[in-house]
Amino acid sequence: MNDTAPGIRIRPGSPADVPAILDMLDSAVVWMNERGNTEQWGTTPYSQKPGGMERVERYTTENAPHIAELDGTPVGALVLHTGPSPQMPIAPAGEPERYVRLLVSDRRHAGRGIGAALLALAVEETRRAGVDLLRVDCWAGGGGELVAFYERNGFTSTNRFLLGAWPGQVLARRVG
């Protein structure tokens, strides 16, 4: 386990965490929609999207999932992999990398540093693997708040892309 921000502990994830991750994703959709953001993840709860549950199940079996807990309750999830999702129009880095496939936190605990703590763990895990490059992609729409979050956490914007009409941004961080 990893101690991070006050009261937050990070542990390896497992298939038993699928319901908690789906709950966080579903509540994130509601939270975004309540703020007028229907473009980032749409309006359908993630658990009801075609392939949504299966994707989260794969995250917990084929990738490196980590769960942030507050008083024993899951409040955040991070999934690392060795490259971008095949669904995304992103070129491989051309060197070994770790890639953040999923970062989500329970919005009921916003402002407690959960996302930053999980990204700090991603940096640690990338270094531990002997890899120098950590990348992530995210929604670049709205006012750019999500891109700014990653930049505040040490990432630099690299390539922009479109997935249909969905604007995306790739960000990178050297950890070596």
N, C-alpha and C. Protein backbone atom coordinates (compact mmCIF):
# COMPACT_ATOMS: atom_id res chain seq x y z
N MET A 1 0.84 -1.18 0.00
CA MET A 1 0.00 0.00 0.00
C MET A 1 0.88 1.24 0.00
N ASN A 2 0.31 2.31 -0.49
CA ASN A 2 1.03 3.56 -0.61
C ASN A 2 0.28 4.64 0.16
N ASP A 3 0.97 5.33 1.07
CA ASP A 3 0.37 6.47 1.76
C ASP A 3 0.63 7.72 0.94
N THR A 4 -0.39 8.55 0.76
CA THR A 4 -0.26 9.75 -0.06
C THR A 4 -0.85 10.94 0.70
N ALA A 5 -1.81 11.61 0.09
CA ALA A 5 -2.47 12.74 0.73
C ALA A 5 -3.11 12.26 2.04
N PRO A 6 -3.32 13.16 2.99
CA PRO A 6 -3.86 12.74 4.30
C PRO A 6 -5.10 11.86 4.18
N GLY A 7 -5.02 10.69 4.80
CA GLY A 7 -6.15 9.78 4.83
C GLY A 7 -6.33 8.91 3.60
N ILE A 8 -5.58 9.18 2.54
CA ILE A 8 -5.73 8.43 1.29
C ILE A 8 -4.65 7.36 1.23
N ARG A 9 -5.08 6.13 0.95
CA ARG A 9 -4.16 5.02 0.75
C ARG A 9 -4.42 4.46 -0.65
N ILE A 10 -3.35 4.05 -1.30
CA ILE A 10 -3.47 3.48 -2.64
C ILE A 10 -2.99 2.04 -2.58
N ARG A 11 -3.81 1.17 -3.16
CA ARG A 11 -3.50 -0.27 -3.17
C ARG A 11 -3.67 -0.80 -4.59
N PRO A 12 -3.09 -1.96 -4.87
CA PRO A 12 -3.34 -2.59 -6.18
C PRO A 12 -4.83 -2.91 -6.33
N GLY A 13 -5.33 -2.75 -7.54
CA GLY A 13 -6.72 -3.08 -7.82
C GLY A 13 -6.86 -4.52 -8.27
N SER A 14 -8.12 -4.98 -8.34
CA SER A 14 -8.41 -6.35 -8.75
C SER A 14 -9.81 -6.38 -9.37
N PRO A 15 -10.21 -7.51 -9.94
CA PRO A 15 -11.57 -7.62 -10.49
C PRO A 15 -12.66 -7.31 -9.45
N ALA A 16 -12.38 -7.51 -8.17
CA ALA A 16 -13.38 -7.18 -7.15
C ALA A 16 -13.70 -5.69 -7.10
N ASP A 17 -12.84 -4.85 -7.72
CA ASP A 17 -13.05 -3.40 -7.72
C ASP A 17 -13.91 -2.90 -8.88
N VAL A 18 -14.31 -3.78 -9.79
CA VAL A 18 -15.11 -3.36 -10.94
C VAL A 18 -16.35 -2.57 -10.53
N PRO A 19 -17.18 -3.04 -9.57
CA PRO A 19 -18.36 -2.25 -9.21
C PRO A 19 -18.02 -0.85 -8.69
N ALA A 20 -16.97 -0.73 -7.90
CA ALA A 20 -16.59 0.59 -7.38
C ALA A 20 -16.11 1.51 -8.50
N ILE A 21 -15.33 0.98 -9.43
CA ILE A 21 -14.85 1.80 -10.56
C ILE A 21 -16.03 2.25 -11.42
N LEU A 22 -16.95 1.32 -11.70
CA LEU A 22 -18.14 1.70 -12.49
C LEU A 22 -18.96 2.77 -11.77
N ASP A 23 -19.08 2.66 -10.46
CA ASP A 23 -19.82 3.66 -9.69
C ASP A 23 -19.15 5.03 -9.81
N MET A 24 -17.81 5.06 -9.72
CA MET A 24 -17.09 6.33 -9.87
C MET A 24 -17.28 6.92 -11.27
N LEU A 25 -17.22 6.06 -12.29
CA LEU A 25 -17.41 6.53 -13.66
C LEU A 25 -18.84 7.04 -13.86
N ASP A 26 -19.83 6.31 -13.35
CA ASP A 26 -21.22 6.74 -13.47
C ASP A 26 -21.44 8.08 -12.77
N SER A 27 -20.89 8.22 -11.57
CA SER A 27 -21.10 9.47 -10.84
C SER A 27 -20.35 10.62 -11.51
N ALA A 28 -19.24 10.34 -12.18
CA ALA A 28 -18.52 11.38 -12.91
C ALA A 28 -19.37 11.90 -14.08
N VAL A 29 -20.07 11.00 -14.77
CA VAL A 29 -20.95 11.42 -15.86
C VAL A 29 -22.03 12.35 -15.32
N VAL A 30 -22.65 11.97 -14.21
CA VAL A 30 -23.69 12.80 -13.60
C VAL A 30 -23.11 14.16 -13.22
N TRP A 31 -21.96 14.16 -12.58
CA TRP A 31 -21.31 15.40 -12.13
C TRP A 31 -21.03 16.31 -13.33
N MET A 32 -20.47 15.75 -14.41
CA MET A 32 -20.18 16.55 -15.60
C MET A 32 -21.47 17.11 -16.19
N ASN A 33 -22.48 16.26 -16.32
CA ASN A 33 -23.74 16.69 -16.90
C ASN A 33 -24.39 17.80 -16.09
N GLU A 34 -24.31 17.71 -14.75
CA GLU A 34 -24.89 18.75 -13.90
C GLU A 34 -24.21 20.10 -14.12
N ARG A 35 -23.00 20.08 -14.63
CA ARG A 35 -22.26 21.31 -14.90
C ARG A 35 -22.34 21.71 -16.37
N GLY A 36 -23.21 21.06 -17.12
CA GLY A 36 -23.41 21.41 -18.53
C GLY A 36 -22.46 20.73 -19.49
N ASN A 37 -21.62 19.84 -19.01
CA ASN A 37 -20.67 19.13 -19.86
C ASN A 37 -21.29 17.79 -20.28
N THR A 38 -21.84 17.76 -21.48
CA THR A 38 -22.40 16.52 -22.02
C THR A 38 -21.53 15.97 -23.16
N GLU A 39 -20.47 16.70 -23.51
CA GLU A 39 -19.62 16.30 -24.63
C GLU A 39 -18.50 15.34 -24.23
N GLN A 40 -17.97 15.50 -23.02
CA GLN A 40 -16.78 14.73 -22.65
C GLN A 40 -17.07 13.23 -22.61
N TRP A 41 -18.03 12.81 -21.79
CA TRP A 41 -18.37 11.40 -21.68
C TRP A 41 -19.82 11.13 -22.04
N GLY A 42 -20.53 12.13 -22.59
CA GLY A 42 -21.91 11.93 -22.97
C GLY A 42 -22.84 11.98 -21.77
N THR A 43 -24.05 11.44 -21.95
CA THR A 43 -25.06 11.49 -20.89
C THR A 43 -25.45 10.10 -20.38
N THR A 44 -25.01 9.06 -21.04
CA THR A 44 -25.33 7.70 -20.63
C THR A 44 -24.38 7.26 -19.53
N PRO A 45 -24.88 6.71 -18.43
CA PRO A 45 -23.97 6.19 -17.40
C PRO A 45 -22.98 5.21 -18.02
N TYR A 46 -21.74 5.27 -17.57
CA TYR A 46 -20.69 4.45 -18.15
C TYR A 46 -21.03 2.96 -18.07
N SER A 47 -21.67 2.56 -16.97
CA SER A 47 -22.01 1.15 -16.79
C SER A 47 -23.04 0.67 -17.80
N GLN A 48 -23.75 1.62 -18.43
CA GLN A 48 -24.78 1.25 -19.40
C GLN A 48 -24.32 1.44 -20.84
N LYS A 49 -23.11 1.95 -21.04
CA LYS A 49 -22.59 2.13 -22.40
C LYS A 49 -22.20 0.78 -22.97
N PRO A 50 -22.43 0.55 -24.24
CA PRO A 50 -21.99 -0.71 -24.85
C PRO A 50 -20.49 -0.91 -24.62
N GLY A 51 -20.13 -2.02 -24.03
CA GLY A 51 -18.73 -2.35 -23.79
C GLY A 51 -18.13 -1.70 -22.55
N GLY A 52 -18.87 -0.85 -21.86
CA GLY A 52 -18.33 -0.14 -20.69
C GLY A 52 -17.91 -1.07 -19.58
N MET A 53 -18.81 -1.96 -19.20
CA MET A 53 -18.49 -2.90 -18.11
C MET A 53 -17.33 -3.81 -18.51
N GLU A 54 -17.36 -4.29 -19.75
CA GLU A 54 -16.29 -5.19 -20.22
C GLU A 54 -14.95 -4.48 -20.21
N ARG A 55 -14.93 -3.18 -20.59
CA ARG A 55 -13.69 -2.42 -20.60
C ARG A 55 -13.12 -2.33 -19.18
N VAL A 56 -13.97 -2.02 -18.21
CA VAL A 56 -13.51 -1.92 -16.82
C VAL A 56 -13.03 -3.28 -16.33
N GLU A 57 -13.72 -4.35 -16.70
CA GLU A 57 -13.25 -5.69 -16.33
C GLU A 57 -11.87 -5.96 -16.89
N ARG A 58 -11.63 -5.57 -18.16
CA ARG A 58 -10.30 -5.76 -18.76
C ARG A 58 -9.26 -4.91 -18.03
N TYR A 59 -9.65 -3.69 -17.65
CA TYR A 59 -8.72 -2.83 -16.91
C TYR A 59 -8.20 -3.53 -15.66
N THR A 60 -9.05 -4.32 -15.02
CA THR A 60 -8.65 -4.95 -13.75
C THR A 60 -7.96 -6.30 -13.95
N THR A 61 -7.96 -6.82 -15.17
CA THR A 61 -7.33 -8.12 -15.41
C THR A 61 -6.14 -8.04 -16.37
N GLU A 62 -6.17 -7.11 -17.31
CA GLU A 62 -5.12 -7.06 -18.34
C GLU A 62 -4.17 -5.89 -18.15
N ASN A 63 -4.44 -5.00 -17.22
CA ASN A 63 -3.65 -3.80 -17.01
C ASN A 63 -3.16 -3.76 -15.57
N ALA A 64 -2.62 -2.62 -15.17
CA ALA A 64 -2.15 -2.44 -13.80
C ALA A 64 -3.07 -1.44 -13.10
N PRO A 65 -4.15 -1.92 -12.46
CA PRO A 65 -5.07 -1.01 -11.79
C PRO A 65 -4.61 -0.69 -10.36
N HIS A 66 -4.93 0.51 -9.92
CA HIS A 66 -4.66 0.94 -8.55
C HIS A 66 -5.90 1.65 -8.04
N ILE A 67 -6.21 1.44 -6.77
CA ILE A 67 -7.40 2.02 -6.16
C ILE A 67 -6.98 2.91 -5.00
N ALA A 68 -7.46 4.15 -5.01
CA ALA A 68 -7.26 5.05 -3.88
C ALA A 68 -8.44 4.86 -2.94
N GLU A 69 -8.13 4.75 -1.65
CA GLU A 69 -9.17 4.56 -0.64
C GLU A 69 -9.08 5.66 0.41
N LEU A 70 -10.23 6.03 0.92
CA LEU A 70 -10.34 6.95 2.04
C LEU A 70 -11.15 6.23 3.10
N ASP A 71 -10.54 5.96 4.22
CA ASP A 71 -11.20 5.20 5.30
C ASP A 71 -11.75 3.88 4.78
N GLY A 72 -10.99 3.21 3.92
CA GLY A 72 -11.37 1.91 3.41
C GLY A 72 -12.37 1.91 2.27
N THR A 73 -12.83 3.09 1.85
CA THR A 73 -13.80 3.21 0.75
C THR A 73 -13.08 3.65 -0.53
N PRO A 74 -13.28 2.95 -1.67
CA PRO A 74 -12.66 3.38 -2.92
C PRO A 74 -13.14 4.77 -3.33
N VAL A 75 -12.17 5.66 -3.60
CA VAL A 75 -12.50 7.03 -4.00
C VAL A 75 -11.77 7.46 -5.27
N GLY A 76 -10.96 6.56 -5.84
CA GLY A 76 -10.26 6.89 -7.07
C GLY A 76 -9.68 5.64 -7.69
N ALA A 77 -9.45 5.72 -9.00
CA ALA A 77 -8.87 4.58 -9.72
C ALA A 77 -7.90 5.09 -10.78
N LEU A 78 -6.83 4.35 -10.94
CA LEU A 78 -5.81 4.60 -11.95
C LEU A 78 -5.54 3.29 -12.66
N VAL A 79 -5.46 3.34 -13.98
CA VAL A 79 -5.10 2.16 -14.76
C VAL A 79 -3.92 2.53 -15.65
N LEU A 80 -2.82 1.80 -15.49
CA LEU A 80 -1.63 2.00 -16.31
C LEU A 80 -1.50 0.86 -17.31
N HIS A 81 -0.92 1.18 -18.46
CA HIS A 81 -0.66 0.18 -19.49
C HIS A 81 0.64 0.56 -20.18
N THR A 82 1.04 -0.22 -21.16
CA THR A 82 2.29 0.04 -21.88
C THR A 82 2.10 0.89 -23.12
N GLY A 83 0.88 1.36 -23.38
CA GLY A 83 0.63 2.22 -24.53
C GLY A 83 -0.81 2.67 -24.55
N PRO A 84 -1.13 3.54 -25.53
CA PRO A 84 -2.50 4.06 -25.61
C PRO A 84 -3.51 3.00 -25.98
N SER A 85 -4.76 3.29 -25.69
CA SER A 85 -5.85 2.41 -26.06
C SER A 85 -5.92 2.30 -27.58
N PRO A 86 -6.18 1.10 -28.10
CA PRO A 86 -6.28 0.95 -29.56
C PRO A 86 -7.43 1.74 -30.17
N GLN A 87 -8.42 2.14 -29.35
CA GLN A 87 -9.54 2.93 -29.87
C GLN A 87 -9.15 4.38 -30.14
N MET A 88 -8.02 4.82 -29.59
CA MET A 88 -7.62 6.21 -29.72
C MET A 88 -6.67 6.38 -30.90
N PRO A 89 -6.81 7.47 -31.65
CA PRO A 89 -5.93 7.71 -32.81
C PRO A 89 -4.59 8.31 -32.40
N ILE A 90 -3.85 7.56 -31.60
CA ILE A 90 -2.59 8.05 -31.03
C ILE A 90 -1.47 7.12 -31.44
N ALA A 91 -0.42 7.69 -31.97
CA ALA A 91 0.73 6.89 -32.40
C ALA A 91 1.51 6.41 -31.18
N PRO A 92 2.10 5.23 -31.28
CA PRO A 92 2.99 4.79 -30.21
C PRO A 92 4.12 5.81 -30.03
N ALA A 93 4.69 5.82 -28.87
CA ALA A 93 5.71 6.82 -28.54
C ALA A 93 7.03 6.60 -29.27
N GLY A 94 7.28 5.37 -29.74
CA GLY A 94 8.56 5.09 -30.38
C GLY A 94 9.65 4.76 -29.37
N GLU A 95 9.25 4.61 -28.10
CA GLU A 95 10.15 4.22 -27.02
C GLU A 95 9.27 3.58 -25.95
N PRO A 96 9.88 2.87 -25.01
CA PRO A 96 9.06 2.31 -23.93
C PRO A 96 8.33 3.43 -23.19
N GLU A 97 7.10 3.15 -22.82
CA GLU A 97 6.31 4.14 -22.09
C GLU A 97 5.33 3.44 -21.16
N ARG A 98 4.82 4.20 -20.23
CA ARG A 98 3.65 3.81 -19.45
C ARG A 98 2.58 4.82 -19.82
N TYR A 99 1.36 4.33 -19.87
CA TYR A 99 0.27 5.16 -20.36
C TYR A 99 -0.89 5.09 -19.37
N VAL A 100 -1.39 6.24 -18.98
CA VAL A 100 -2.55 6.30 -18.10
C VAL A 100 -3.77 6.02 -18.96
N ARG A 101 -4.38 4.85 -18.79
CA ARG A 101 -5.57 4.49 -19.55
C ARG A 101 -6.83 5.00 -18.87
N LEU A 102 -6.79 5.13 -17.54
CA LEU A 102 -7.96 5.61 -16.80
C LEU A 102 -7.48 6.32 -15.54
N LEU A 103 -8.07 7.47 -15.29
CA LEU A 103 -7.89 8.18 -14.03
C LEU A 103 -9.26 8.76 -13.69
N VAL A 104 -9.81 8.33 -12.58
CA VAL A 104 -11.12 8.83 -12.16
C VAL A 104 -11.12 8.93 -10.64
N SER A 105 -11.81 9.95 -10.15
CA SER A 105 -11.97 10.06 -8.70
C SER A 105 -13.43 10.33 -8.39
N ASP A 106 -13.80 9.95 -7.20
CA ASP A 106 -15.17 10.15 -6.72
C ASP A 106 -15.35 11.64 -6.47
N ARG A 107 -16.24 12.26 -7.22
CA ARG A 107 -16.43 13.72 -7.15
C ARG A 107 -16.95 14.17 -5.79
N ARG A 108 -17.50 13.25 -5.00
CA ARG A 108 -17.93 13.62 -3.65
C ARG A 108 -16.74 13.95 -2.76
N HIS A 109 -15.54 13.58 -3.21
CA HIS A 109 -14.33 13.85 -2.43
C HIS A 109 -13.37 14.75 -3.21
N ALA A 110 -13.92 15.57 -4.10
CA ALA A 110 -13.11 16.47 -4.92
C ALA A 110 -12.31 17.42 -4.03
N GLY A 111 -11.13 17.78 -4.50
CA GLY A 111 -10.30 18.73 -3.78
C GLY A 111 -9.41 18.12 -2.72
N ARG A 112 -9.41 16.80 -2.61
CA ARG A 112 -8.59 16.14 -1.57
C ARG A 112 -7.26 15.63 -2.13
N GLY A 113 -7.00 15.87 -3.40
CA GLY A 113 -5.74 15.44 -3.98
C GLY A 113 -5.71 14.01 -4.45
N ILE A 114 -6.87 13.41 -4.67
CA ILE A 114 -6.93 12.00 -5.07
C ILE A 114 -6.29 11.79 -6.44
N GLY A 115 -6.68 12.61 -7.42
CA GLY A 115 -6.11 12.47 -8.77
C GLY A 115 -4.61 12.71 -8.77
N ALA A 116 -4.17 13.75 -8.06
CA ALA A 116 -2.73 14.04 -7.99
C ALA A 116 -1.98 12.89 -7.31
N ALA A 117 -2.55 12.30 -6.27
CA ALA A 117 -1.90 11.18 -5.59
C ALA A 117 -1.78 9.98 -6.52
N LEU A 118 -2.82 9.72 -7.30
CA LEU A 118 -2.76 8.60 -8.25
C LEU A 118 -1.74 8.87 -9.35
N LEU A 119 -1.65 10.11 -9.82
CA LEU A 119 -0.64 10.43 -10.83
C LEU A 119 0.77 10.32 -10.26
N ALA A 120 0.96 10.69 -9.00
CA ALA A 120 2.27 10.52 -8.36
C ALA A 120 2.65 9.04 -8.32
N LEU A 121 1.66 8.18 -8.05
CA LEU A 121 1.92 6.74 -8.08
C LEU A 121 2.29 6.29 -9.49
N ALA A 122 1.62 6.84 -10.51
CA ALA A 122 1.93 6.49 -11.90
C ALA A 122 3.38 6.83 -12.22
N VAL A 123 3.85 7.97 -11.71
CA VAL A 123 5.25 8.35 -11.90
C VAL A 123 6.17 7.34 -11.22
N GLU A 124 5.85 6.98 -9.98
CA GLU A 124 6.65 5.99 -9.25
C GLU A 124 6.71 4.66 -10.00
N GLU A 125 5.55 4.19 -10.45
CA GLU A 125 5.47 2.90 -11.15
C GLU A 125 6.25 2.94 -12.46
N THR A 126 6.20 4.07 -13.15
CA THR A 126 6.93 4.21 -14.42
C THR A 126 8.43 4.14 -14.15
N ARG A 127 8.89 4.87 -13.15
CA ARG A 127 10.32 4.82 -12.79
C ARG A 127 10.73 3.41 -12.36
N ARG A 128 9.90 2.78 -11.53
CA ARG A 128 10.19 1.43 -11.04
C ARG A 128 10.35 0.45 -12.20
N ALA A 129 9.59 0.67 -13.27
CA ALA A 129 9.67 -0.21 -14.45
C ALA A 129 10.89 0.12 -15.32
N GLY A 130 11.65 1.16 -14.95
CA GLY A 130 12.82 1.53 -15.74
C GLY A 130 12.45 2.26 -17.02
N VAL A 131 11.28 2.89 -17.03
CA VAL A 131 10.77 3.59 -18.20
C VAL A 131 10.83 5.09 -17.90
N ASP A 132 11.18 5.88 -18.92
CA ASP A 132 11.35 7.32 -18.73
C ASP A 132 10.13 8.14 -19.12
N LEU A 133 9.19 7.57 -19.88
CA LEU A 133 8.09 8.34 -20.43
C LEU A 133 6.74 7.86 -19.89
N LEU A 134 5.97 8.80 -19.38
CA LEU A 134 4.60 8.57 -18.93
C LEU A 134 3.71 9.47 -19.77
N ARG A 135 2.69 8.87 -20.40
CA ARG A 135 1.78 9.68 -21.23
C ARG A 135 0.34 9.43 -20.81
N VAL A 136 -0.52 10.36 -21.23
CA VAL A 136 -1.96 10.29 -20.98
C VAL A 136 -2.65 11.04 -22.09
N ASP A 137 -3.88 10.66 -22.38
CA ASP A 137 -4.70 11.48 -23.27
C ASP A 137 -5.96 11.87 -22.52
N CYS A 138 -6.53 13.01 -22.91
CA CYS A 138 -7.72 13.48 -22.22
C CYS A 138 -8.55 14.36 -23.15
N TRP A 139 -9.74 14.66 -22.68
CA TRP A 139 -10.64 15.57 -23.38
C TRP A 139 -10.05 16.97 -23.33
N ALA A 140 -10.01 17.63 -24.48
CA ALA A 140 -9.43 18.97 -24.56
C ALA A 140 -10.50 20.04 -24.75
N GLY A 141 -11.77 19.66 -24.62
CA GLY A 141 -12.85 20.62 -24.82
C GLY A 141 -13.12 21.46 -23.59
N GLY A 142 -14.27 22.10 -23.62
CA GLY A 142 -14.64 22.99 -22.53
C GLY A 142 -13.64 24.12 -22.43
N GLY A 143 -13.31 24.50 -21.25
CA GLY A 143 -12.33 25.55 -21.04
C GLY A 143 -10.91 25.03 -20.88
N GLY A 144 -10.68 23.77 -21.19
CA GLY A 144 -9.35 23.18 -21.07
C GLY A 144 -8.96 22.83 -19.64
N GLU A 145 -9.94 22.71 -18.75
CA GLU A 145 -9.64 22.44 -17.34
C GLU A 145 -8.92 21.12 -17.12
N LEU A 146 -9.29 20.09 -17.88
CA LEU A 146 -8.66 18.79 -17.68
C LEU A 146 -7.21 18.82 -18.16
N VAL A 147 -6.96 19.45 -19.29
CA VAL A 147 -5.57 19.59 -19.76
C VAL A 147 -4.76 20.36 -18.71
N ALA A 148 -5.33 21.42 -18.17
CA ALA A 148 -4.64 22.22 -17.15
C ALA A 148 -4.34 21.39 -15.89
N PHE A 149 -5.26 20.49 -15.52
CA PHE A 149 -5.01 19.61 -14.37
C PHE A 149 -3.75 18.78 -14.59
N TYR A 150 -3.64 18.17 -15.77
CA TYR A 150 -2.46 17.35 -16.05
C TYR A 150 -1.20 18.21 -16.10
N GLU A 151 -1.30 19.40 -16.66
CA GLU A 151 -0.13 20.29 -16.70
C GLU A 151 0.30 20.68 -15.28
N ARG A 152 -0.65 20.93 -14.39
CA ARG A 152 -0.31 21.23 -12.99
C ARG A 152 0.38 20.04 -12.32
N ASN A 153 0.17 18.85 -12.86
CA ASN A 153 0.78 17.65 -12.30
C ASN A 153 2.01 17.20 -13.08
N GLY A 154 2.66 18.13 -13.77
CA GLY A 154 3.95 17.87 -14.38
C GLY A 154 3.95 17.40 -15.82
N PHE A 155 2.79 17.33 -16.46
CA PHE A 155 2.72 16.88 -17.85
C PHE A 155 2.81 18.08 -18.79
N THR A 156 3.28 17.81 -20.00
CA THR A 156 3.38 18.82 -21.05
C THR A 156 2.50 18.39 -22.22
N SER A 157 1.71 19.31 -22.72
CA SER A 157 0.87 19.00 -23.88
C SER A 157 1.74 18.71 -25.09
N THR A 158 1.37 17.66 -25.82
CA THR A 158 2.10 17.31 -27.04
C THR A 158 1.14 17.38 -28.22
N ASN A 159 0.54 16.28 -28.61
CA ASN A 159 -0.29 16.23 -29.81
C ASN A 159 -1.77 16.40 -29.49
N ARG A 160 -2.45 17.18 -30.32
CA ARG A 160 -3.91 17.27 -30.26
C ARG A 160 -4.46 16.28 -31.29
N PHE A 161 -5.67 15.81 -31.06
CA PHE A 161 -6.31 14.91 -32.02
C PHE A 161 -7.81 15.07 -31.94
N LEU A 162 -8.49 14.56 -32.94
CA LEU A 162 -9.95 14.50 -32.95
C LEU A 162 -10.37 13.05 -33.05
N LEU A 163 -11.33 12.66 -32.24
CA LEU A 163 -11.95 11.35 -32.34
C LEU A 163 -13.39 11.65 -32.71
N GLY A 164 -13.68 11.67 -34.02
CA GLY A 164 -14.95 12.21 -34.49
C GLY A 164 -14.94 13.70 -34.22
N ALA A 165 -15.90 14.19 -33.44
CA ALA A 165 -15.94 15.60 -33.07
C ALA A 165 -15.35 15.84 -31.68
N TRP A 166 -14.86 14.78 -31.04
CA TRP A 166 -14.34 14.85 -29.67
C TRP A 166 -12.90 15.34 -29.71
N PRO A 167 -12.61 16.53 -29.14
CA PRO A 167 -11.24 17.04 -29.16
C PRO A 167 -10.40 16.41 -28.04
N GLY A 168 -9.25 15.89 -28.41
CA GLY A 168 -8.38 15.25 -27.43
C GLY A 168 -7.00 15.86 -27.39
N GLN A 169 -6.33 15.62 -26.29
CA GLN A 169 -4.97 16.13 -26.09
C GLN A 169 -4.13 15.01 -25.50
N VAL A 170 -2.95 14.79 -26.08
CA VAL A 170 -1.97 13.88 -25.49
C VAL A 170 -1.01 14.73 -24.67
N LEU A 171 -0.68 14.25 -23.49
CA LEU A 171 0.28 14.92 -22.64
C LEU A 171 1.36 13.92 -22.23
N ALA A 172 2.56 14.41 -22.00
CA ALA A 172 3.68 13.54 -21.67
C ALA A 172 4.45 14.11 -20.47
N ARG A 173 5.08 13.20 -19.76
CA ARG A 173 5.93 13.60 -18.63
C ARG A 173 7.15 12.69 -18.61
N ARG A 174 8.32 13.29 -18.60
CA ARG A 174 9.57 12.55 -18.43
C ARG A 174 9.77 12.30 -16.94
N VAL A 175 10.03 11.06 -16.58
CA VAL A 175 10.16 10.74 -15.16
C VAL A 175 11.56 10.27 -14.80
N GLY A 176 12.43 10.11 -15.79
CA GLY A 176 13.78 9.60 -15.53
C GLY A 176 14.74 10.67 -15.11
